[in-house]
Amino acid sequence: MTDSTLSRRAFLAAGGGLVLAAATAGWAESAGAASNAISPLVLATDLYASPNPQRFVFAIARGPRYASGAPARVAFAAPGSSTGSVYPTKLYKSGLPKGRGVYVTEATFPVAGVWKAIALISGKKVPFVVQVNPSAVAPVIGAAAPRAPSPTVTNTLGVKPICTRQPQCPLHTVSLSDVIGTGKLVAAMFATPARCSSMYCGPVLDEMLGVMARYQDRVTFVHVEIWKGLRGADHAPTVDAWGIETEPWLYTIDGAGIIKGRLDGAIGKQEIVDQLDALVA
């Protein structure tokens, strides 16, 4: 649900920065290095046209540094429109590095294309753009989870090292193919701590490791690395089977093998707990 709308005038007033934001949606360092300007870092990586609300996640930078912390709202206007809906956000900081909390909202993107957006933070209107694809790349909530095998200590599927966390995590003893759709509840984390471009993978994996004890008798936890090795561009075969192109991701899957939760980009500790609570409920 939105809490208000942003007028055509507000979007037009902020429009001077939209071209720059489009070029730096991934937060090119050059955009902020020369100034102390506020800029959004869009972490939602697989938005798609749908009448249903989707999780939208972003962080804030001030110059070249992360600076998430102040209350924020975000507005979106569809392609060809100059008015947009304003959504409240929730800031998740627990478990994430200082200043690198993430803002999350549930927004609706009914059509594909480049959406205009404005972050409303610290009394400023900060423009950026959001790409919404015609369809999702990675599996979505309500779909059947892929049943491809995942690397284990007894069958690495060519992935080396099997875990880039230091020390390695213990979530590589069970293959996803042996648990999905077998009546077991599953939480699958796709993350590569040693090679994560956003540097959220390590903290997010640690968050899950820190809360999983309370669910271990009910949920099977699996961690899958994104890459086959410390160098090169070859994905782990499980990642290709799932169609995942970014990191990190957390999926929760019910006993019938249906996806119940889908979080990407960066994930707050409480979001992980909420997803697991919903899975076991």
Foldseek 3Di string as FASTA:
>chain_A
DFPFKADLVVLVVQVVCAVVQAVQLCPDLVVQQVFQQKDKNWQDDWAAADQFWDKTKIFIGGRNGQARDFFKKKWKDAVPDSMTTIHGWDWFDPLFPPSGTMTIDTDHHNDFDKIWMWMCGPNDTHIHIDGHHHDGQFDDAFDFADLDWAAAPVRRLLAPPQAQDVVRDPQRHGISNVQAQQQAKEKEKEAHCLDAPVNQRRSVVVLCVVPCVVCVVGYRYHYHYQPSYNDDDHGRPVCVSRSDDHDIWIWIAGNRRGTHDIDGRHDHSVRVVVSSVVRVD
